[in-house]
Amino acid sequence: MLKHTTDGGEAEFLTKFYCDYKKYYIYLLKLTLTSERMNILRYIIALLLLFGCIISLSAAAVPNVRSVVRQDGAVVESTDYYPYGTPFTTANSVQPYKYGAKELDRMHGLDLYDSQARWYDSLLGRTSTIDPKAEKYYNLSPYLWCAGNPVIFIDPSGYIVENCKDINFNIKLKDVREYIGDMFNQLYQTIKNDEKHTFVIENYNGEGTVHGRDIVKYDNGKYYICLDLDNAIELENGEVMSVAMKVLHELGHASSISQDEDAYIQRVGINDNQYHNMEDRRNIQEIENKVANELQEPIRKDHKFKNYFPTNNVTYHKTNQPKRKQ
């Protein structure tokens, strides 16, 4: 059985690109929306595309519309926001979707956001009606927006508060899954379908967890798969192994536990001067290096590394080896 400590949605992206190690998405007709009113955004984007414009949004599951840019690079709309969503600089507003990709209704000067479940006033940081899920947040005002902290939390639909870091974590994990492919799916399904053990995926997110960083650790009846998706690793020879390969490594351990926990514990207890222990030797040689060879990533011959390598691109890697034949 597999549980997540995060619960971000999976959006569809038409394309994505990287600039200075920062990831940006272009959401077009494949943008996944759950409300009929929000679906109107698809048609607005289609019209903008028809007239030579695109909307470039940030890499969050529910992004703020910061700019509308023509294909020739000319900015036809630019908007900045205060933390609660009130626009403070808007140049040439050509469409109504602003903060959180929500429609800003300026009729009669009320300037309310349609957040699907309720109307939201960004000047007050409050909604006009109570939270439909107020029983989940009994210690907070039912009119409060984003638990009073819109820097850390978002409210995509007016129903439930989500952590921005958790959403970005899930987006990156989805990218890892697409990059690794069949081996990721095979290991993931093994631990997901395990009825004997419970595995919890934890987001390291730069602040650490109680269980560690890039590790599978047993605690209070559960195995925690602790993942740092913000750092690749630089090997001692200067090569860089991607974040995705780190994730594969930890899933390999989790799958080993799921298949035969006693054998896993036994292999961990046998020291290996080159690979730390026999479990790491098995995992690197039989799983990690097999995929690394297919993806032209560094082939590891031990378990050592020099430094963490910060990157927002979970597939970034560098190898000194000549291109290998498949």
Protein backbone atom coordinates (compact mmCIF):
# COMPACT_ATOMS: atom_id res chain seq x y z
CA MET A 1 0.00 0.00 0.00
CA LEU A 2 1.34 3.43 -0.92
CA LYS A 3 0.28 6.70 0.66
CA HIS A 4 1.32 10.23 -0.19
CA THR A 5 1.85 13.01 2.32
CA THR A 6 0.99 15.37 -0.56
CA ASP A 7 -2.09 15.54 -2.73
CA GLY A 8 -1.48 17.94 -5.62
CA GLY A 9 -3.41 17.56 -8.84
CA GLU A 10 -2.02 16.43 -12.14
CA ALA A 11 -2.37 19.04 -14.85
CA GLU A 12 -1.77 18.40 -18.53
CA PHE A 13 0.93 20.47 -20.19
CA LEU A 14 1.22 21.19 -23.88
CA THR A 15 4.93 21.89 -23.53
CA LYS A 16 7.54 22.95 -21.00
CA PHE A 17 10.91 24.57 -21.15
CA TYR A 18 13.76 25.54 -18.85
CA CYS A 19 15.54 28.86 -18.47
CA ASP A 20 18.38 29.38 -15.98
CA TYR A 21 17.42 26.08 -14.31
CA LYS A 22 13.88 27.37 -13.68
CA LYS A 23 10.97 25.49 -15.18
CA TYR A 24 8.13 27.17 -17.03
CA TYR A 25 5.00 25.66 -18.51
CA ILE A 26 2.84 26.84 -21.38
CA TYR A 27 -0.75 25.81 -20.70
CA LEU A 28 -2.90 25.77 -23.84
CA LEU A 29 -5.85 23.65 -24.94
CA LYS A 30 -4.73 20.71 -22.78
CA LEU A 31 -5.13 22.64 -19.52
CA THR A 32 -7.15 20.44 -17.15
CA LEU A 33 -9.87 22.37 -15.32
CA THR A 34 -12.67 21.07 -13.16
CA SER A 35 -15.29 23.82 -13.32
CA GLU A 36 -17.51 24.77 -16.25
CA ARG A 37 -16.75 28.43 -15.62
CA MET A 38 -13.02 27.77 -15.44
CA ASN A 39 -13.22 25.84 -18.70
CA ILE A 40 -13.92 29.15 -20.40
CA LEU A 41 -10.21 29.82 -19.94
CA ARG A 42 -9.49 27.17 -22.58
CA TYR A 43 -11.42 29.10 -25.18
CA ILE A 44 -9.86 32.41 -24.21
CA ILE A 45 -6.42 30.87 -24.65
CA ALA A 46 -7.50 29.37 -27.97
CA LEU A 47 -8.56 32.82 -29.18
CA LEU A 48 -5.30 34.34 -28.01
CA LEU A 49 -3.44 31.62 -29.87
CA LEU A 50 -5.53 32.33 -32.96
CA PHE A 51 -4.52 36.00 -32.86
CA GLY A 52 -0.86 35.21 -32.35
CA CYS A 53 -0.74 35.30 -28.56
CA ILE A 54 0.03 32.74 -25.87
CA ILE A 55 -0.29 32.84 -22.13
CA SER A 56 2.89 31.97 -20.26
CA LEU A 57 2.25 30.79 -16.73
CA SER A 58 4.43 29.79 -13.81
CA ALA A 59 5.08 26.19 -12.82
CA ALA A 60 2.35 25.78 -10.22
CA ALA A 61 -0.71 23.57 -10.53
CA VAL A 62 -2.89 26.68 -10.10
CA PRO A 63 -0.75 29.49 -11.51
CA ASN A 64 -1.18 33.23 -11.43
CA VAL A 65 -1.57 34.74 -14.87
CA ARG A 66 1.42 37.06 -14.93
CA SER A 67 1.59 37.94 -18.61
CA VAL A 68 0.11 37.53 -22.05
CA VAL A 69 2.83 37.38 -24.70
CA ARG A 70 2.55 37.40 -28.47
CA GLN A 71 4.54 34.93 -30.51
CA ASP A 72 6.86 37.74 -31.59
CA GLY A 73 7.75 38.30 -27.93
CA ALA A 74 5.71 41.46 -27.37
CA VAL A 75 4.02 41.59 -23.95
CA VAL A 76 0.37 42.60 -24.37
CA GLU A 77 -0.57 42.19 -20.70
CA SER A 78 1.48 42.20 -17.50
CA THR A 79 0.14 41.87 -13.96
CA ASP A 80 1.77 41.77 -10.51
CA TYR A 81 -0.03 40.86 -7.30
CA TYR A 82 -0.01 41.46 -3.58
CA PRO A 83 0.16 38.17 -1.61
CA TYR A 84 -3.64 37.92 -1.26
CA GLY A 85 -4.14 38.44 -4.99
CA THR A 86 -4.94 42.12 -5.47
CA PRO A 87 -3.31 43.37 -8.69
CA PHE A 88 -1.03 46.35 -8.05
CA THR A 89 0.38 46.81 -11.54
CA THR A 90 -1.69 45.88 -14.55
CA ALA A 91 -0.74 46.92 -18.06
CA ASN A 92 -3.27 46.58 -20.87
CA SER A 93 -5.64 44.05 -19.30
CA VAL A 94 -7.00 41.96 -22.19
CA GLN A 95 -8.57 39.04 -20.31
CA PRO A 96 -10.25 38.57 -16.89
CA TYR A 97 -8.28 35.64 -15.43
CA LYS A 98 -5.70 36.82 -12.91
CA TYR A 99 -4.72 35.53 -9.46
CA GLY A 100 -4.78 31.74 -9.25
CA ALA A 101 -6.16 31.70 -12.82
CA LYS A 102 -9.47 32.82 -11.29
CA GLU A 103 -11.83 35.25 -13.00
CA LEU A 104 -11.71 38.73 -11.52
CA ASP A 105 -15.23 40.20 -11.73
CA ARG A 106 -14.90 43.99 -11.84
CA MET A 107 -18.65 44.64 -12.26
CA HIS A 108 -19.84 47.61 -10.15
CA GLY A 109 -16.31 47.97 -8.76
CA LEU A 110 -16.64 45.01 -6.40
CA ASP A 111 -13.50 43.33 -7.77
CA LEU A 112 -14.33 39.84 -6.51
CA TYR A 113 -12.65 36.63 -7.61
CA ASP A 114 -14.81 33.68 -8.63
CA SER A 115 -13.12 30.79 -6.81
CA GLN A 116 -15.78 28.26 -7.92
CA ALA A 117 -17.08 27.43 -4.44
CA ARG A 118 -17.45 31.04 -3.26
CA TRP A 119 -16.62 34.67 -4.03
CA TYR A 120 -13.31 35.98 -2.72
CA ASP A 121 -12.34 39.58 -1.85
CA SER A 122 -8.54 39.92 -2.18
CA LEU A 123 -8.50 43.33 -0.47
CA LEU A 124 -9.88 41.79 2.72
CA GLY A 125 -8.33 38.35 2.34
CA ARG A 126 -11.78 36.95 3.12
CA THR A 127 -14.64 35.25 1.28
CA SER A 128 -18.27 36.36 1.22
CA THR A 129 -19.59 33.01 2.45
CA ILE A 130 -18.26 30.34 4.78
CA ASP A 131 -15.90 27.57 3.70
CA PRO A 132 -17.91 24.48 2.58
CA LYS A 133 -15.20 22.37 4.24
CA ALA A 134 -15.02 24.49 7.41
CA GLU A 135 -15.17 21.39 9.64
CA LYS A 136 -11.70 20.46 8.40
CA TYR A 137 -10.30 23.73 9.75
CA TYR A 138 -12.22 24.17 12.99
CA ASN A 139 -9.44 26.36 14.46
CA LEU A 140 -9.68 28.92 11.63
CA SER A 141 -12.30 31.46 10.60
CA PRO A 142 -14.57 29.93 7.92
CA TYR A 143 -14.20 33.17 5.92
CA LEU A 144 -10.38 33.11 5.96
CA TRP A 145 -8.49 32.71 2.69
CA CYS A 146 -5.57 30.22 2.46
CA ALA A 147 -5.47 29.76 6.23
CA GLY A 148 -4.25 33.36 6.52
CA ASN A 149 -0.98 32.56 4.71
CA PRO A 150 -1.26 32.89 0.90
CA VAL A 151 2.54 32.76 0.53
CA ILE A 152 2.68 29.10 1.55
CA PHE A 153 -0.85 27.90 0.80
CA ILE A 154 -3.23 28.10 -2.16
CA ASP A 155 -6.94 27.40 -2.50
CA PRO A 156 -7.53 26.21 -6.09
CA SER A 157 -11.31 25.92 -5.89
CA GLY A 158 -12.46 27.59 -2.67
CA TYR A 159 -12.93 24.16 -1.10
CA ILE A 160 -9.58 23.07 0.32
CA VAL A 161 -6.20 24.57 1.21
CA GLU A 162 -3.10 23.05 -0.39
CA ASN A 163 0.59 23.57 0.26
CA CYS A 164 2.43 25.11 -2.71
CA LYS A 165 5.56 23.10 -2.00
CA ASP A 166 3.54 19.87 -2.03
CA ILE A 167 2.03 20.74 -5.41
CA ASN A 168 5.42 21.51 -6.96
CA PHE A 169 6.72 18.27 -5.44
CA ASN A 170 3.98 16.28 -7.17
CA ILE A 171 4.60 18.02 -10.48
CA LYS A 172 8.29 17.15 -10.27
CA LEU A 173 7.49 13.57 -9.28
CA LYS A 174 5.26 13.31 -12.35
CA ASP A 175 8.19 14.52 -14.47
CA VAL A 176 10.38 11.85 -12.90
CA ARG A 177 7.83 9.19 -13.75
CA GLU A 178 7.65 10.30 -17.39
CA TYR A 179 11.45 10.39 -17.67
CA ILE A 180 12.21 7.00 -16.09
CA GLY A 181 9.29 5.25 -17.74
CA ASP A 182 8.61 1.53 -17.38
CA MET A 183 11.03 0.84 -14.51
CA PHE A 184 9.45 3.60 -12.40
CA ASN A 185 5.96 2.24 -13.07
CA GLN A 186 7.05 -1.30 -12.26
CA LEU A 187 8.61 -0.36 -8.89
CA TYR A 188 5.79 2.06 -8.05
CA GLN A 189 3.09 -0.54 -8.67
CA THR A 190 4.97 -3.08 -6.54
CA ILE A 191 4.89 -0.90 -3.45
CA LYS A 192 1.43 0.50 -4.21
CA ASN A 193 -0.09 -2.99 -4.34
CA ASP A 194 1.74 -4.22 -1.22
CA GLU A 195 -0.93 -5.19 1.31
CA LYS A 196 1.58 -6.10 4.03
CA HIS A 197 3.62 -2.87 4.23
CA THR A 198 2.66 0.81 4.20
CA PHE A 199 4.93 3.19 2.30
CA VAL A 200 4.69 6.97 2.68
CA ILE A 201 6.38 9.33 0.21
CA GLU A 202 7.78 12.37 2.04
CA ASN A 203 8.84 15.68 0.56
CA TYR A 204 12.24 16.81 1.83
CA ASN A 205 11.60 20.31 0.30
CA GLY A 206 14.88 21.84 1.51
CA GLU A 207 13.78 21.99 5.13
CA GLY A 208 14.31 18.38 6.00
CA THR A 209 12.02 15.75 7.45
CA VAL A 210 12.14 13.84 10.69
CA HIS A 211 13.21 10.78 8.72
CA GLY A 212 16.07 12.08 6.59
CA ARG A 213 17.03 12.94 3.02
CA ASP A 214 17.04 10.52 0.08
CA ILE A 215 16.46 7.53 2.28
CA VAL A 216 13.94 4.77 3.01
CA LYS A 217 13.42 4.58 6.76
CA TYR A 218 11.14 2.49 8.97
CA ASP A 219 9.23 4.36 11.69
CA ASN A 220 6.20 3.41 13.74
CA GLY A 221 4.95 0.66 11.44
CA LYS A 222 5.55 2.49 8.14
CA TYR A 223 8.34 2.85 5.62
CA TYR A 224 9.01 6.47 4.70
CA ILE A 225 10.48 7.18 1.26
CA CYS A 226 12.11 10.59 1.82
CA LEU A 227 12.87 12.38 -1.46
CA ASP A 228 14.79 15.58 -2.16
CA LEU A 229 13.61 16.67 -5.62
CA ASP A 230 15.53 19.96 -5.62
CA ASN A 231 19.06 18.54 -5.79
CA ALA A 232 20.83 16.16 -8.13
CA ILE A 233 24.14 14.68 -6.94
CA GLU A 234 27.63 15.38 -8.21
CA LEU A 235 29.78 12.27 -8.27
CA GLU A 236 33.45 12.22 -7.32
CA ASN A 237 34.49 12.17 -11.00
CA GLY A 238 32.55 15.38 -11.73
CA GLU A 239 29.57 13.68 -13.39
CA VAL A 240 26.07 14.64 -12.28
CA MET A 241 23.36 12.05 -11.64
CA SER A 242 19.84 13.40 -12.10
CA VAL A 243 17.18 13.86 -9.44
CA ALA A 244 15.12 11.27 -11.29
CA MET A 245 17.83 8.63 -10.82
CA LYS A 246 17.93 9.39 -7.09
CA VAL A 247 14.20 8.74 -6.92
CA LEU A 248 14.64 5.49 -8.83
CA HIS A 249 17.31 4.44 -6.34
CA GLU A 250 15.00 4.90 -3.34
CA LEU A 251 12.06 3.22 -5.10
CA GLY A 252 14.40 0.29 -5.76
CA HIS A 253 14.96 -0.09 -2.02
CA ALA A 254 11.24 0.20 -1.28
CA SER A 255 10.42 -2.42 -3.90
CA SER A 256 13.02 -4.73 -2.40
CA ILE A 257 11.34 -4.39 0.99
CA SER A 258 7.95 -5.09 -0.55
CA GLN A 259 9.14 -8.24 -2.31
CA ASP A 260 11.16 -9.77 0.56
CA GLU A 261 11.66 -7.70 3.69
CA ASP A 262 13.81 -10.28 5.47
CA ALA A 263 16.19 -10.59 2.54
CA TYR A 264 16.39 -6.80 2.31
CA ILE A 265 17.34 -6.48 5.99
CA GLN A 266 19.92 -9.24 5.58
CA ARG A 267 21.58 -7.52 2.58
CA VAL A 268 21.65 -4.14 4.39
CA GLY A 269 23.53 -5.83 7.23
CA ILE A 270 26.34 -7.12 4.98
CA ASN A 271 29.04 -4.46 4.52
CA ASP A 272 30.47 -3.75 1.09
CA ASN A 273 33.54 -1.51 0.81
CA GLN A 274 32.58 -0.35 -2.67
CA TYR A 275 28.80 0.00 -2.43
CA HIS A 276 28.31 0.54 1.32
CA ASN A 277 26.27 -2.66 1.70
CA MET A 278 25.02 -5.55 -0.41
CA GLU A 279 21.57 -4.03 -0.80
CA ASP A 280 23.04 -0.88 -2.36
CA ARG A 281 25.21 -3.04 -4.63
CA ARG A 282 22.14 -4.95 -5.84
CA ASN A 283 20.07 -1.80 -6.28
CA ILE A 284 22.73 0.15 -8.21
CA GLN A 285 23.84 -2.70 -10.44
CA GLU A 286 20.49 -4.34 -11.20
CA ILE A 287 18.13 -1.34 -11.33
CA GLU A 288 19.83 2.04 -11.35
CA ASN A 289 22.65 1.34 -13.83
CA LYS A 290 20.32 -0.52 -16.17
CA VAL A 291 18.15 2.59 -16.56
CA ALA A 292 21.17 4.92 -16.52
CA ASN A 293 22.58 3.08 -19.54
CA GLU A 294 19.32 3.57 -21.47
CA LEU A 295 19.10 7.29 -20.58
CA GLN A 296 22.81 8.05 -21.14
CA GLU A 297 23.23 8.91 -17.45
CA PRO A 298 26.39 8.26 -15.38
CA ILE A 299 27.06 4.59 -14.61
CA ARG A 300 27.91 4.31 -10.92
CA LYS A 301 30.65 1.96 -9.76
CA ASP A 302 30.25 2.77 -6.06
CA HIS A 303 27.89 4.51 -3.65
CA LYS A 304 29.98 7.65 -3.13
CA PHE A 305 29.24 11.21 -4.20
CA LYS A 306 30.87 14.60 -3.72
CA ASN A 307 28.13 17.22 -3.39
CA TYR A 308 24.48 17.97 -3.89
CA PHE A 309 23.80 19.82 -7.15
CA PRO A 310 20.84 22.27 -6.95
CA THR A 311 18.53 22.17 -9.96
CA ASN A 312 14.84 22.60 -10.78
CA ASN A 313 15.19 20.21 -13.72
CA VAL A 314 14.68 16.68 -12.41
CA THR A 315 16.20 15.20 -15.58
CA TYR A 316 19.40 17.28 -15.67
CA HIS A 317 22.55 15.14 -15.72
CA LYS A 318 26.13 15.30 -16.96
CA THR A 319 28.36 12.43 -18.01
CA ASN A 320 32.02 12.21 -19.06
CA GLN A 321 31.41 8.95 -20.87
CA PRO A 322 31.00 8.71 -24.67
CA LYS A 323 27.45 8.15 -25.94
CA ARG A 324 26.54 4.52 -25.41
CA LYS A 325 24.86 2.28 -27.96
CA GLN A 326 21.40 1.03 -27.01
